[in-house]
Each structure stands twice: as structure tokens, then as C-alpha cells.
Amino acid sequence: MVRHCLAAACLVVALAIPAFTSCAKAPSMELVAGTADLRDVVATLTGDPAGVQGLIPPAMCPGHYDIRPSDIQRVKHATALLIHPWQQDMPNVRRVVETAQVDPARIRVVPVEGTLMVPEVRLQAVEALVPILGAIVPAKAGAIQQRAMQLSAEIQRIANAQRARLEVAPIHGAAAVCNEMQVPLAQWAGFSIAATFGRSEGLSAAQVAEVIDRARRAGAILVIDNLQSGDTQVGAMVAREIGVPHVVLSNFTGGLPGADSWSETIGENVRRLVESLPTGQETDDGSHH
């Protein structure tokens, strides 16, 4: 059964990539991306979603995910492993690289800092990936450049649409308490950050008390938590203590149910933010939220 599946997959890839004339070479074109967002961008640019696999599941914390034997096998046979700069020194990524005996030449670090959930950072990743992918798949370099232009325009369109939703909401610099992983998106949405918190196992009672005190002094209207951090108890407790809503956002595409694309994920994040805001406040356009 496995042989039949491999043969079928091989045929599909061979047909999709004219440069390869024999079935035996097709699997070597598989790419592995360090996160769901990196995979999403790479798959769009190459035009071959089936040939791009993700290393870390979208709902998992990249630093706490336990690498599986299947992950090692994927990386071992991939043409290239593309990762974020912050993944280079993560123990789980280093472990998979060492166990799979990956040649350093097959590891490509995409030189963009920050979360690709933020539109501006995603645009930077698109630009950075064009020469990287062009070097990996020279035959597709022209098509990759063309798709990059289209993707950049689409990202900007989606960003503008979500920004319009946020601009009529009662944010305008309002203070929020934020999981440290969600700070970039919260700031992009227009919040000022009153205090931040990390994973619960790294927080003392005194540190939590300090977060609550800062939130109260700043008049925070919301506590923004991170799905991938895995434990939302601290955020929920802070929200209860200061009497504001607690909202959980995803830092990666595909982390939330029904949100498989970046467009759907950022849209759901914005929806959760807007619907969690205090009601009864009038916006500049005279509507109520």
C-alpha cells in the first residue's frame, strides 16, 4: 500500500515539475518549513502546496513541541529546511537537524524577525523568500517572482480590510494586558500595552501581582492571550481580577478552528478582539459597539 501511495505521489510531483523527468527524483523536491505561517507563504510562492510540509503544528508552541520520528524523516529527505531566525537555537529544531543529519547547506534561515501574523512582517517574509526559493528551484524563479507580487498585493488588501474593522472599534490606543507573544499583533491592532506576561510556569505570584497592578493603573480594557502558549489560566485570572474580558488569539495560521488560511486567521483574531471590547461606546462614525 505504501509503495502504491509513494508511486502515485511521485507521479503527481513529476507532472507538476517539468524539470524532473524521472519519478525517483521527485520526492527530493519536498520542502519543510519551520512553522505553519512560513509553510503557507512558501507553498503559495512555489505553487506546490503538496510539496511543502510544516514542522510545527499550528496550534502548538514552537519551543515546546516534541519532535516525532515522522518529523525527522520528513526533514531527512527534504530538499531544504526553511526556518525563522528564532528557531535556529531551539532545542527541538536542533535535535531534528542533528538526528536527521541535515547538511547545513540544506538549512535556509529566512532573515525576518517577528511574527508573520502581522501583515508588515509577512510582506517582509515574502520578499526575503523570493531569492531563497529561486535558488532552491531555479526553474521556478520567474513564477515565484510573479506569485510574490500577487501575494504581496493580496496581503496588503487583507490588511487594509482588517484595519478598517479595527479603526471603527473603541481601541485608539486603549490599554491592554498582553501575553508577550501577542504584543506585536496587539500593537498593530492599535492597543497600548499596559503589562505583559509569559507562560505560567515561568511566573511567580509576585510577578502576576505586578501585572495586575500595572493593568489597574493603566486602566486596561482587555487581556489578550496566546493560544500557542498552551495555558491561558494566568490571562484568565488577571482578567477576573481587573474585571475585563479575556480573549485568546492565534499567533499562527491554522491554529483556530475553521481558520485554515492567514486571511481567515487574522480575520478571526480581529473579530475576537472587536467583539471582546466594552460595549456601549460610540465610535467616530456614530455607531455603537
Foldseek 3Di string as FASTA:
>chain_A
DVVVVLQVVLVVQCVVDVVDDDSVCRLQAAEEEAAQLLLQLVCLLQVHNVRYHYLDPQLADSLPDAGDPVSLVSCLRYQAYEYEPVNPPRPRVVVSCVVSVPDPVRYHYQDFDAFCLDLVSVLSSLVSCLVVVCVSPVVCSVSSVVSSVVVNVVSVVLLVVLQVVLQQFPAQAAEEEEAPNCVVVCVSSHYDYQYYDYQPVPDDPVRLVVSLVSCQVRVHAEYEYESNSPDCVSSVVSCVSNVHYYFYAGRGQPNDPPGNHSSSRSVVVSVRVRVRGDWDDAGPVGDTD
